[in-house]
Amino acid sequence: TPGKERELVAYIDHIVWYRDSVKGRFTMSRDSAKNTIVLQMNSLKPED
């Protein structure tokens, strides 16, 4: 967001990691065959 540093939301390699503020609301998935990642975001808040 403007004026703030970039923050890591989620990553996936051998595990899937989420930052605390999005746990339980965001889901990251990967289709390696298609080199595609998806971030499904639910219960969105203005601070997202």
ModelCIF file with pLDDT and N, C-alpha, C, O atoms, coordinates in Angstrom:
data_MODEL
#
_entry.id   MODEL 
#
_entity.id                         1 
_entity.type                       polymer 
_entity.pdbx_number_of_molecules   1 
#
_entity_poly.entity_id                      1 
_entity_poly.type                           'polypeptide(L)' 
_entity_poly.nstd_linkage                   no 
_entity_poly.nstd_monomer                   no 
_entity_poly.pdbx_seq_one_letter_code       TPGKERELVAYIDHIVWYRDSVKGRFTMSRDSAKNTIVLQMNSLKPED 
_entity_poly.pdbx_seq_one_letter_code_can   TPGKERELVAYIDHIVWYRDSVKGRFTMSRDSAKNTIVLQMNSLKPED 
_entity_poly.pdbx_strand_id                 A 
#
loop_
_entity_poly_seq.entity_id 
_entity_poly_seq.num 
_entity_poly_seq.mon_id 
_entity_poly_seq.hetero 
1 1  THR n 
1 2  PRO n 
1 3  GLY n 
1 4  LYS n 
1 5  GLU n 
1 6  ARG n 
1 7  GLU n 
1 8  LEU n 
1 9  VAL n 
1 10 ALA n 
1 11 TYR n 
1 12 ILE n 
1 13 ASP n 
1 14 HIS n 
1 15 ILE n 
1 16 VAL n 
1 17 TRP n 
1 18 TYR n 
1 19 ARG n 
1 20 ASP n 
1 21 SER n 
1 22 VAL n 
1 23 LYS n 
1 24 GLY n 
1 25 ARG n 
1 26 PHE n 
1 27 THR n 
1 28 MET n 
1 29 SER n 
1 30 ARG n 
1 31 ASP n 
1 32 SER n 
1 33 ALA n 
1 34 LYS n 
1 35 ASN n 
1 36 THR n 
1 37 ILE n 
1 38 VAL n 
1 39 LEU n 
1 40 GLN n 
1 41 MET n 
1 42 ASN n 
1 43 SER n 
1 44 LEU n 
1 45 LYS n 
1 46 PRO n 
1 47 GLU n 
1 48 ASP n 
#
_struct_asym.id          A 
_struct_asym.entity_id   1 
#
loop_
_ma_qa_metric.id 
_ma_qa_metric.mode 
_ma_qa_metric.name 
_ma_qa_metric.software_group_id 
_ma_qa_metric.type 
1 global pLDDT . pLDDT 
2 local  pLDDT . pLDDT 
#
_ma_qa_metric_global.metric_id      1 
_ma_qa_metric_global.metric_value   96.00 
_ma_qa_metric_global.model_id       1 
_ma_qa_metric_global.ordinal_id     1 
#
loop_
_ma_qa_metric_local.label_asym_id 
_ma_qa_metric_local.label_comp_id 
_ma_qa_metric_local.label_seq_id 
_ma_qa_metric_local.metric_id 
_ma_qa_metric_local.metric_value 
_ma_qa_metric_local.model_id 
_ma_qa_metric_local.ordinal_id 
A THR 1  2 96.00 1 1  
A PRO 2  2 92.00 1 2  
A GLY 3  2 93.00 1 3  
A LYS 4  2 95.00 1 4  
A GLU 5  2 96.00 1 5  
A ARG 6  2 96.00 1 6  
A GLU 7  2 97.00 1 7  
A LEU 8  2 98.00 1 8  
A VAL 9  2 98.00 1 9  
A ALA 10 2 98.00 1 10 
A TYR 11 2 98.00 1 11 
A ILE 12 2 96.00 1 12 
A ASP 13 2 91.00 1 13 
A HIS 14 2 89.00 1 14 
A ILE 15 2 94.00 1 15 
A VAL 16 2 97.00 1 16 
A TRP 17 2 98.00 1 17 
A TYR 18 2 98.00 1 18 
A ARG 19 2 98.00 1 19 
A ASP 20 2 98.00 1 20 
A SER 21 2 98.00 1 21 
A VAL 22 2 98.00 1 22 
A LYS 23 2 98.00 1 23 
A GLY 24 2 98.00 1 24 
A ARG 25 2 98.00 1 25 
A PHE 26 2 98.00 1 26 
A THR 27 2 98.00 1 27 
A MET 28 2 98.00 1 28 
A SER 29 2 96.00 1 29 
A ARG 30 2 95.00 1 30 
A ASP 31 2 93.00 1 31 
A SER 32 2 88.00 1 32 
A ALA 33 2 89.00 1 33 
A LYS 34 2 90.00 1 34 
A ASN 35 2 91.00 1 35 
A THR 36 2 94.00 1 36 
A ILE 37 2 96.00 1 37 
A VAL 38 2 98.00 1 38 
A LEU 39 2 98.00 1 39 
A GLN 40 2 98.00 1 40 
A MET 41 2 98.00 1 41 
A ASN 42 2 98.00 1 42 
A SER 43 2 98.00 1 43 
A LEU 44 2 98.00 1 44 
A LYS 45 2 98.00 1 45 
A PRO 46 2 97.00 1 46 
A GLU 47 2 97.00 1 47 
A ASP 48 2 98.00 1 48 
#
loop_
_atom_site.group_PDB 
_atom_site.id 
_atom_site.type_symbol 
_atom_site.label_atom_id 
_atom_site.label_alt_id 
_atom_site.label_comp_id 
_atom_site.label_asym_id 
_atom_site.label_entity_id 
_atom_site.label_seq_id 
_atom_site.pdbx_PDB_ins_code 
_atom_site.Cartn_x 
_atom_site.Cartn_y 
_atom_site.Cartn_z 
_atom_site.occupancy 
_atom_site.B_iso_or_equiv 
_atom_site.pdbx_formal_charge 
_atom_site.auth_seq_id 
_atom_site.auth_comp_id 
_atom_site.auth_asym_id 
_atom_site.auth_atom_id 
_atom_site.pdbx_PDB_model_num 
ATOM 1   N N  . THR A 1 1  ? 0.854   -1.174  0.000   1.00 96.00 ? 1  THR A N  1 
ATOM 2   C CA . THR A 1 1  ? 0.000   0.000   0.000   1.00 96.00 ? 1  THR A CA 1 
ATOM 3   C C  . THR A 1 1  ? 0.898   1.234   0.000   1.00 96.00 ? 1  THR A C  1 
ATOM 4   O O  . THR A 1 1  ? 2.042   1.161   0.448   1.00 96.00 ? 1  THR A O  1 
ATOM 5   N N  . PRO A 1 2  ? 0.404   2.350   -0.488  1.00 92.00 ? 2  PRO A N  1 
ATOM 6   C CA . PRO A 1 2  ? 1.222   3.572   -0.566  1.00 92.00 ? 2  PRO A CA 1 
ATOM 7   C C  . PRO A 1 2  ? 1.801   3.950   0.795   1.00 92.00 ? 2  PRO A C  1 
ATOM 8   O O  . PRO A 1 2  ? 1.093   3.973   1.802   1.00 92.00 ? 2  PRO A O  1 
ATOM 9   N N  . GLY A 1 3  ? 3.074   4.240   0.806   1.00 93.00 ? 3  GLY A N  1 
ATOM 10  C CA . GLY A 1 3  ? 3.738   4.668   2.030   1.00 93.00 ? 3  GLY A CA 1 
ATOM 11  C C  . GLY A 1 3  ? 4.173   3.541   2.946   1.00 93.00 ? 3  GLY A C  1 
ATOM 12  O O  . GLY A 1 3  ? 4.767   3.784   3.997   1.00 93.00 ? 3  GLY A O  1 
ATOM 13  N N  . LYS A 1 4  ? 3.882   2.315   2.556   1.00 95.00 ? 4  LYS A N  1 
ATOM 14  C CA . LYS A 1 4  ? 4.268   1.168   3.376   1.00 95.00 ? 4  LYS A CA 1 
ATOM 15  C C  . LYS A 1 4  ? 5.179   0.243   2.612   1.00 95.00 ? 4  LYS A C  1 
ATOM 16  O O  . LYS A 1 4  ? 5.201   0.243   1.381   1.00 95.00 ? 4  LYS A O  1 
ATOM 17  N N  . GLU A 1 5  ? 5.934   -0.550  3.353   1.00 96.00 ? 5  GLU A N  1 
ATOM 18  C CA . GLU A 1 5  ? 6.807   -1.516  2.711   1.00 96.00 ? 5  GLU A CA 1 
ATOM 19  C C  . GLU A 1 5  ? 5.988   -2.697  2.178   1.00 96.00 ? 5  GLU A C  1 
ATOM 20  O O  . GLU A 1 5  ? 4.925   -3.032  2.701   1.00 96.00 ? 5  GLU A O  1 
ATOM 21  N N  . ARG A 1 6  ? 6.511   -3.301  1.141   1.00 96.00 ? 6  ARG A N  1 
ATOM 22  C CA . ARG A 1 6  ? 5.868   -4.489  0.604   1.00 96.00 ? 6  ARG A CA 1 
ATOM 23  C C  . ARG A 1 6  ? 5.904   -5.596  1.650   1.00 96.00 ? 6  ARG A C  1 
ATOM 24  O O  . ARG A 1 6  ? 6.913   -5.789  2.327   1.00 96.00 ? 6  ARG A O  1 
ATOM 25  N N  . GLU A 1 7  ? 4.806   -6.315  1.775   1.00 97.00 ? 7  GLU A N  1 
ATOM 26  C CA . GLU A 1 7  ? 4.762   -7.401  2.763   1.00 97.00 ? 7  GLU A CA 1 
ATOM 27  C C  . GLU A 1 7  ? 4.389   -8.716  2.099   1.00 97.00 ? 7  GLU A C  1 
ATOM 28  O O  . GLU A 1 7  ? 3.611   -8.765  1.146   1.00 97.00 ? 7  GLU A O  1 
ATOM 29  N N  . LEU A 1 8  ? 4.963   -9.762  2.626   1.00 98.00 ? 8  LEU A N  1 
ATOM 30  C CA . LEU A 1 8  ? 4.699   -11.105 2.137   1.00 98.00 ? 8  LEU A CA 1 
ATOM 31  C C  . LEU A 1 8  ? 3.344   -11.564 2.652   1.00 98.00 ? 8  LEU A C  1 
ATOM 32  O O  . LEU A 1 8  ? 3.075   -11.509 3.852   1.00 98.00 ? 8  LEU A O  1 
ATOM 33  N N  . VAL A 1 9  ? 2.508   -12.010 1.752   1.00 98.00 ? 9  VAL A N  1 
ATOM 34  C CA . VAL A 1 9  ? 1.172   -12.478 2.124   1.00 98.00 ? 9  VAL A CA 1 
ATOM 35  C C  . VAL A 1 9  ? 1.159   -13.991 2.307   1.00 98.00 ? 9  VAL A C  1 
ATOM 36  O O  . VAL A 1 9  ? 0.653   -14.500 3.307   1.00 98.00 ? 9  VAL A O  1 
ATOM 37  N N  . ALA A 1 10 ? 1.714   -14.697 1.345   1.00 98.00 ? 10 ALA A N  1 
ATOM 38  C CA . ALA A 1 10 ? 1.732   -16.159 1.391   1.00 98.00 ? 10 ALA A CA 1 
ATOM 39  C C  . ALA A 1 10 ? 2.773   -16.662 0.408   1.00 98.00 ? 10 ALA A C  1 
ATOM 40  O O  . ALA A 1 10 ? 3.063   -16.013 -0.597  1.00 98.00 ? 10 ALA A O  1 
ATOM 41  N N  . TYR A 1 11 ? 3.326   -17.817 0.709   1.00 98.00 ? 11 TYR A N  1 
ATOM 42  C CA . TYR A 1 11 ? 4.211   -18.456 -0.256  1.00 98.00 ? 11 TYR A CA 1 
ATOM 43  C C  . TYR A 1 11 ? 3.991   -19.955 -0.245  1.00 98.00 ? 11 TYR A C  1 
ATOM 44  O O  . TYR A 1 11 ? 3.436   -20.518 0.699   1.00 98.00 ? 11 TYR A O  1 
ATOM 45  N N  . ILE A 1 12 ? 4.441   -20.587 -1.321  1.00 96.00 ? 12 ILE A N  1 
ATOM 46  C CA . ILE A 1 12 ? 4.299   -22.033 -1.437  1.00 96.00 ? 12 ILE A CA 1 
ATOM 47  C C  . ILE A 1 12 ? 5.559   -22.600 -2.065  1.00 96.00 ? 12 ILE A C  1 
ATOM 48  O O  . ILE A 1 12 ? 5.981   -22.162 -3.136  1.00 96.00 ? 12 ILE A O  1 
ATOM 49  N N  . ASP A 1 13 ? 6.148   -23.562 -1.407  1.00 91.00 ? 13 ASP A N  1 
ATOM 50  C CA . ASP A 1 13 ? 7.145   -24.425 -2.029  1.00 91.00 ? 13 ASP A CA 1 
ATOM 51  C C  . ASP A 1 13 ? 6.829   -25.840 -1.553  1.00 91.00 ? 13 ASP A C  1 
ATOM 52  O O  . ASP A 1 13 ? 5.983   -26.510 -2.146  1.00 91.00 ? 13 ASP A O  1 
ATOM 53  N N  . HIS A 1 14 ? 7.484   -26.302 -0.506  1.00 89.00 ? 14 HIS A N  1 
ATOM 54  C CA . HIS A 1 14 ? 7.111   -27.609 0.045   1.00 89.00 ? 14 HIS A CA 1 
ATOM 55  C C  . HIS A 1 14 ? 6.013   -27.462 1.095   1.00 89.00 ? 14 HIS A C  1 
ATOM 56  O O  . HIS A 1 14 ? 5.384   -28.445 1.485   1.00 89.00 ? 14 HIS A O  1 
ATOM 57  N N  . ILE A 1 15 ? 5.791   -26.265 1.537   1.00 94.00 ? 15 ILE A N  1 
ATOM 58  C CA . ILE A 1 15 ? 4.735   -25.951 2.492   1.00 94.00 ? 15 ILE A CA 1 
ATOM 59  C C  . ILE A 1 15 ? 3.995   -24.726 1.975   1.00 94.00 ? 15 ILE A C  1 
ATOM 60  O O  . ILE A 1 15 ? 4.420   -24.086 1.013   1.00 94.00 ? 15 ILE A O  1 
ATOM 61  N N  . VAL A 1 16 ? 2.910   -24.419 2.612   1.00 97.00 ? 16 VAL A N  1 
ATOM 62  C CA . VAL A 1 16 ? 2.218   -23.170 2.339   1.00 97.00 ? 16 VAL A CA 1 
ATOM 63  C C  . VAL A 1 16 ? 2.260   -22.339 3.616   1.00 97.00 ? 16 VAL A C  1 
ATOM 64  O O  . VAL A 1 16 ? 1.863   -22.798 4.688   1.00 97.00 ? 16 VAL A O  1 
ATOM 65  N N  . TRP A 1 17 ? 2.743   -21.126 3.483   1.00 98.00 ? 17 TRP A N  1 
ATOM 66  C CA . TRP A 1 17 ? 2.868   -20.217 4.625   1.00 98.00 ? 17 TRP A CA 1 
ATOM 67  C C  . TRP A 1 17 ? 1.979   -19.011 4.406   1.00 98.00 ? 17 TRP A C  1 
ATOM 68  O O  . TRP A 1 17 ? 1.867   -18.515 3.285   1.00 98.00 ? 17 TRP A O  1 
ATOM 69  N N  . TYR A 1 18 ? 1.343   -18.533 5.473   1.00 98.00 ? 18 TYR A N  1 
ATOM 70  C CA . TYR A 1 18 ? 0.505   -17.337 5.417   1.00 98.00 ? 18 TYR A CA 1 
ATOM 71  C C  . TYR A 1 18 ? 0.914   -16.382 6.535   1.00 98.00 ? 18 TYR A C  1 
ATOM 72  O O  . TYR A 1 18 ? 1.306   -16.798 7.625   1.00 98.00 ? 18 TYR A O  1 
ATOM 73  N N  . ARG A 1 19 ? 0.811   -15.106 6.234   1.00 98.00 ? 19 ARG A N  1 
ATOM 74  C CA . ARG A 1 19 ? 1.023   -14.160 7.318   1.00 98.00 ? 19 ARG A CA 1 
ATOM 75  C C  . ARG A 1 19 ? -0.183  -14.226 8.254   1.00 98.00 ? 19 ARG A C  1 
ATOM 76  O O  . ARG A 1 19 ? -1.284  -14.577 7.830   1.00 98.00 ? 19 ARG A O  1 
ATOM 77  N N  . ASP A 1 20 ? 0.026   -13.888 9.521   1.00 98.00 ? 20 ASP A N  1 
ATOM 78  C CA . ASP A 1 20 ? -1.020  -14.083 10.526  1.00 98.00 ? 20 ASP A CA 1 
ATOM 79  C C  . ASP A 1 20 ? -2.323  -13.382 10.176  1.00 98.00 ? 20 ASP A C  1 
ATOM 80  O O  . ASP A 1 20 ? -3.404  -13.916 10.424  1.00 98.00 ? 20 ASP A O  1 
ATOM 81  N N  . SER A 1 21 ? -2.226  -12.201 9.606   1.00 98.00 ? 21 SER A N  1 
ATOM 82  C CA . SER A 1 21 ? -3.439  -11.405 9.371   1.00 98.00 ? 21 SER A CA 1 
ATOM 83  C C  . SER A 1 21 ? -4.361  -11.999 8.307   1.00 98.00 ? 21 SER A C  1 
ATOM 84  O O  . SER A 1 21 ? -5.512  -11.578 8.189   1.00 98.00 ? 21 SER A O  1 
ATOM 85  N N  . VAL A 1 22 ? -3.878  -12.963 7.534   1.00 98.00 ? 22 VAL A N  1 
ATOM 86  C CA . VAL A 1 22 ? -4.728  -13.560 6.492   1.00 98.00 ? 22 VAL A CA 1 
ATOM 87  C C  . VAL A 1 22 ? -5.031  -15.033 6.748   1.00 98.00 ? 22 VAL A C  1 
ATOM 88  O O  . VAL A 1 22 ? -5.810  -15.642 6.014   1.00 98.00 ? 22 VAL A O  1 
ATOM 89  N N  . LYS A 1 23 ? -4.427  -15.606 7.776   1.00 98.00 ? 23 LYS A N  1 
ATOM 90  C CA . LYS A 1 23 ? -4.674  -17.026 8.086   1.00 98.00 ? 23 LYS A CA 1 
ATOM 91  C C  . LYS A 1 23 ? -6.160  -17.272 8.309   1.00 98.00 ? 23 LYS A C  1 
ATOM 92  O O  . LYS A 1 23 ? -6.838  -16.511 9.000   1.00 98.00 ? 23 LYS A O  1 
ATOM 93  N N  . GLY A 1 24 ? -6.644  -18.343 7.715   1.00 98.00 ? 24 GLY A N  1 
ATOM 94  C CA . GLY A 1 24 ? -8.047  -18.696 7.850   1.00 98.00 ? 24 GLY A CA 1 
ATOM 95  C C  . GLY A 1 24 ? -8.949  -17.982 6.861   1.00 98.00 ? 24 GLY A C  1 
ATOM 96  O O  . GLY A 1 24 ? -10.118 -18.339 6.719   1.00 98.00 ? 24 GLY A O  1 
ATOM 97  N N  . ARG A 1 25 ? -8.418  -16.973 6.173   1.00 98.00 ? 25 ARG A N  1 
ATOM 98  C CA . ARG A 1 25 ? -9.222  -16.227 5.193   1.00 98.00 ? 25 ARG A CA 1 
ATOM 99  C C  . ARG A 1 25 ? -8.705  -16.406 3.767   1.00 98.00 ? 25 ARG A C  1 
ATOM 100 O O  . ARG A 1 25 ? -9.493  -16.471 2.823   1.00 98.00 ? 25 ARG A O  1 
ATOM 101 N N  . PHE A 1 26 ? -7.394  -16.485 3.611   1.00 98.00 ? 26 PHE A N  1 
ATOM 102 C CA . PHE A 1 26 ? -6.781  -16.622 2.289   1.00 98.00 ? 26 PHE A CA 1 
ATOM 103 C C  . PHE A 1 26 ? -6.299  -18.052 2.095   1.00 98.00 ? 26 PHE A C  1 
ATOM 104 O O  . PHE A 1 26 ? -5.859  -18.710 3.037   1.00 98.00 ? 26 PHE A O  1 
ATOM 105 N N  . THR A 1 27 ? -6.391  -18.511 0.870   1.00 98.00 ? 27 THR A N  1 
ATOM 106 C CA . THR A 1 27 ? -5.871  -19.830 0.516   1.00 98.00 ? 27 THR A CA 1 
ATOM 107 C C  . THR A 1 27 ? -5.056  -19.716 -0.759  1.00 98.00 ? 27 THR A C  1 
ATOM 108 O O  . THR A 1 27 ? -5.539  -19.226 -1.779  1.00 98.00 ? 27 THR A O  1 
ATOM 109 N N  . MET A 1 28 ? -3.823  -20.171 -0.691  1.00 98.00 ? 28 MET A N  1 
ATOM 110 C CA . MET A 1 28 ? -2.948  -20.162 -1.859  1.00 98.00 ? 28 MET A CA 1 
ATOM 111 C C  . MET A 1 28 ? -2.813  -21.566 -2.395  1.00 98.00 ? 28 MET A C  1 
ATOM 112 O O  . MET A 1 28 ? -2.638  -22.518 -1.634  1.00 98.00 ? 28 MET A O  1 
ATOM 113 N N  . SER A 1 29 ? -2.894  -21.694 -3.705  1.00 96.00 ? 29 SER A N  1 
ATOM 114 C CA . SER A 1 29 ? -2.726  -22.996 -4.338  1.00 96.00 ? 29 SER A CA 1 
ATOM 115 C C  . SER A 1 29 ? -1.838  -22.853 -5.560  1.00 96.00 ? 29 SER A C  1 
ATOM 116 O O  . SER A 1 29 ? -1.604  -21.758 -6.070  1.00 96.00 ? 29 SER A O  1 
ATOM 117 N N  . ARG A 1 30 ? -1.356  -24.000 -6.008  1.00 95.00 ? 30 ARG A N  1 
ATOM 118 C CA . ARG A 1 30 ? -0.403  -23.995 -7.126  1.00 95.00 ? 30 ARG A CA 1 
ATOM 119 C C  . ARG A 1 30 ? -0.696  -25.164 -8.058  1.00 95.00 ? 30 ARG A C  1 
ATOM 120 O O  . ARG A 1 30 ? -0.981  -26.275 -7.612  1.00 95.00 ? 30 ARG A O  1 
ATOM 121 N N  . ASP A 1 31 ? -0.623  -24.901 -9.339  1.00 93.00 ? 31 ASP A N  1 
ATOM 122 C CA . ASP A 1 31 ? -0.679  -25.931 -10.361 1.00 93.00 ? 31 ASP A CA 1 
ATOM 123 C C  . ASP A 1 31 ? 0.666   -25.888 -11.081 1.00 93.00 ? 31 ASP A C  1 
ATOM 124 O O  . ASP A 1 31 ? 0.870   -25.086 -11.992 1.00 93.00 ? 31 ASP A O  1 
ATOM 125 N N  . SER A 1 32 ? 1.569   -26.753 -10.662 1.00 88.00 ? 32 SER A N  1 
ATOM 126 C CA . SER A 1 32 ? 2.928   -26.711 -11.207 1.00 88.00 ? 32 SER A CA 1 
ATOM 127 C C  . SER A 1 32 ? 2.964   -27.026 -12.692 1.00 88.00 ? 32 SER A C  1 
ATOM 128 O O  . SER A 1 32 ? 3.799   -26.493 -13.423 1.00 88.00 ? 32 SER A O  1 
ATOM 129 N N  . ALA A 1 33 ? 2.072   -27.882 -13.137 1.00 89.00 ? 33 ALA A N  1 
ATOM 130 C CA . ALA A 1 33 ? 2.046   -28.242 -14.557 1.00 89.00 ? 33 ALA A CA 1 
ATOM 131 C C  . ALA A 1 33 ? 1.731   -27.025 -15.426 1.00 89.00 ? 33 ALA A C  1 
ATOM 132 O O  . ALA A 1 33 ? 2.189   -26.930 -16.564 1.00 89.00 ? 33 ALA A O  1 
ATOM 133 N N  . LYS A 1 34 ? 0.946   -26.097 -14.879 1.00 90.00 ? 34 LYS A N  1 
ATOM 134 C CA . LYS A 1 34 ? 0.558   -24.901 -15.619 1.00 90.00 ? 34 LYS A CA 1 
ATOM 135 C C  . LYS A 1 34 ? 1.317   -23.659 -15.155 1.00 90.00 ? 34 LYS A C  1 
ATOM 136 O O  . LYS A 1 34 ? 1.040   -22.555 -15.624 1.00 90.00 ? 34 LYS A O  1 
ATOM 137 N N  . ASN A 1 35 ? 2.271   -23.829 -14.237 1.00 91.00 ? 35 ASN A N  1 
ATOM 138 C CA . ASN A 1 35 ? 3.008   -22.685 -13.679 1.00 91.00 ? 35 ASN A CA 1 
ATOM 139 C C  . ASN A 1 35 ? 2.049   -21.588 -13.222 1.00 91.00 ? 35 ASN A C  1 
ATOM 140 O O  . ASN A 1 35 ? 2.250   -20.406 -13.499 1.00 91.00 ? 35 ASN A O  1 
ATOM 141 N N  . THR A 1 36 ? 1.029   -22.004 -12.533 1.00 94.00 ? 36 THR A N  1 
ATOM 142 C CA . THR A 1 36 ? -0.010  -21.078 -12.090 1.00 94.00 ? 36 THR A CA 1 
ATOM 143 C C  . THR A 1 36 ? -0.156  -21.127 -10.578 1.00 94.00 ? 36 THR A C  1 
ATOM 144 O O  . THR A 1 36 ? -0.124  -22.199 -9.973  1.00 94.00 ? 36 THR A O  1 
ATOM 145 N N  . ILE A 1 37 ? -0.316  -19.958 -9.978  1.00 96.00 ? 37 ILE A N  1 
ATOM 146 C CA . ILE A 1 37 ? -0.671  -19.888 -8.575  1.00 96.00 ? 37 ILE A CA 1 
ATOM 147 C C  . ILE A 1 37 ? -1.948  -19.074 -8.441  1.00 96.00 ? 37 ILE A C  1 
ATOM 148 O O  . ILE A 1 37 ? -2.216  -18.165 -9.227  1.00 96.00 ? 37 ILE A O  1 
ATOM 149 N N  . VAL A 1 38 ? -2.713  -19.417 -7.444  1.00 98.00 ? 38 VAL A N  1 
ATOM 150 C CA . VAL A 1 38 ? -3.988  -18.753 -7.195  1.00 98.00 ? 38 VAL A CA 1 
ATOM 151 C C  . VAL A 1 38 ? -4.033  -18.341 -5.732  1.00 98.00 ? 38 VAL A C  1 
ATOM 152 O O  . VAL A 1 38 ? -3.600  -19.082 -4.850  1.00 98.00 ? 38 VAL A O  1 
ATOM 153 N N  . LEU A 1 39 ? -4.556  -17.163 -5.493  1.00 98.00 ? 39 LEU A N  1 
ATOM 154 C CA . LEU A 1 39 ? -4.791  -16.704 -4.129  1.00 98.00 ? 39 LEU A CA 1 
ATOM 155 C C  . LEU A 1 39 ? -6.292  -16.450 -3.988  1.00 98.00 ? 39 LEU A C  1 
ATOM 156 O O  . LEU A 1 39 ? -6.828  -15.492 -4.545  1.00 98.00 ? 39 LEU A O  1 
ATOM 157 N N  . GLN A 1 40 ? -6.948  -17.311 -3.246  1.00 98.00 ? 40 GLN A N  1 
ATOM 158 C CA . GLN A 1 40 ? -8.369  -17.135 -2.979  1.00 98.00 ? 40 GLN A CA 1 
ATOM 159 C C  . GLN A 1 40 ? -8.510  -16.370 -1.678  1.00 98.00 ? 40 GLN A C  1 
ATOM 160 O O  . GLN A 1 40 ? -8.021  -16.805 -0.635  1.00 98.00 ? 40 GLN A O  1 
ATOM 161 N N  . MET A 1 41 ? -9.177  -15.237 -1.742  1.00 98.00 ? 41 MET A N  1 
ATOM 162 C CA . MET A 1 41 ? -9.297  -14.354 -0.585  1.00 98.00 ? 41 MET A CA 1 
ATOM 163 C C  . MET A 1 41 ? -10.759 -14.274 -0.168  1.00 98.00 ? 41 MET A C  1 
ATOM 164 O O  . MET A 1 41 ? -11.613 -13.853 -0.949  1.00 98.00 ? 41 MET A O  1 
ATOM 165 N N  . ASN A 1 42 ? -11.035 -14.671 1.042   1.00 98.00 ? 42 ASN A N  1 
ATOM 166 C CA . ASN A 1 42 ? -12.393 -14.633 1.591   1.00 98.00 ? 42 ASN A CA 1 
ATOM 167 C C  . ASN A 1 42 ? -12.440 -13.701 2.793   1.00 98.00 ? 42 ASN A C  1 
ATOM 168 O O  . ASN A 1 42 ? -11.411 -13.327 3.355   1.00 98.00 ? 42 ASN A O  1 
ATOM 169 N N  . SER A 1 43 ? -13.652 -13.339 3.169   1.00 98.00 ? 43 SER A N  1 
ATOM 170 C CA . SER A 1 43 ? -13.856 -12.458 4.331   1.00 98.00 ? 43 SER A CA 1 
ATOM 171 C C  . SER A 1 43 ? -12.935 -11.246 4.264   1.00 98.00 ? 43 SER A C  1 
ATOM 172 O O  . SER A 1 43 ? -12.260 -10.908 5.236   1.00 98.00 ? 43 SER A O  1 
ATOM 173 N N  . LEU A 1 44 ? -12.918 -10.615 3.130   1.00 98.00 ? 44 LEU A N  1 
ATOM 174 C CA . LEU A 1 44 ? -11.988 -9.505  2.911   1.00 98.00 ? 44 LEU A CA 1 
ATOM 175 C C  . LEU A 1 44 ? -12.314 -8.315  3.808   1.00 98.00 ? 44 LEU A C  1 
ATOM 176 O O  . LEU A 1 44 ? -13.470 -8.041  4.127   1.00 98.00 ? 44 LEU A O  1 
ATOM 177 N N  . LYS A 1 45 ? -11.256 -7.626  4.197   1.00 98.00 ? 45 LYS A N  1 
ATOM 178 C CA . LYS A 1 45 ? -11.359 -6.465  5.079   1.00 98.00 ? 45 LYS A CA 1 
ATOM 179 C C  . LYS A 1 45 ? -10.773 -5.246  4.373   1.00 98.00 ? 45 LYS A C  1 
ATOM 180 O O  . LYS A 1 45 ? -9.950  -5.388  3.468   1.00 98.00 ? 45 LYS A O  1 
ATOM 181 N N  . PRO A 1 46 ? -11.186 -4.065  4.776   1.00 97.00 ? 46 PRO A N  1 
ATOM 182 C CA . PRO A 1 46 ? -10.614 -2.857  4.150   1.00 97.00 ? 46 PRO A CA 1 
ATOM 183 C C  . PRO A 1 46 ? -9.090  -2.821  4.229   1.00 97.00 ? 46 PRO A C  1 
ATOM 184 O O  . PRO A 1 46 ? -8.436  -2.291  3.330   1.00 97.00 ? 46 PRO A O  1 
ATOM 185 N N  . GLU A 1 47 ? -8.525  -3.376  5.288   1.00 97.00 ? 47 GLU A N  1 
ATOM 186 C CA . GLU A 1 47 ? -7.069  -3.358  5.427   1.00 97.00 ? 47 GLU A CA 1 
ATOM 187 C C  . GLU A 1 47 ? -6.377  -4.321  4.475   1.00 97.00 ? 47 GLU A C  1 
ATOM 188 O O  . GLU A 1 47 ? -5.148  -4.339  4.405   1.00 97.00 ? 47 GLU A O  1 
ATOM 189 N N  . ASP A 1 48 ? -7.140  -5.121  3.741   1.00 98.00 ? 48 ASP A N  1 
ATOM 190 C CA . ASP A 1 48 ? -6.553  -5.972  2.703   1.00 98.00 ? 48 ASP A CA 1 
ATOM 191 C C  . ASP A 1 48 ? -6.351  -5.197  1.400   1.00 98.00 ? 48 ASP A C  1 
ATOM 192 O O  . ASP A 1 48 ? -5.867  -5.759  0.417   1.00 98.00 ? 48 ASP A O  1 
#
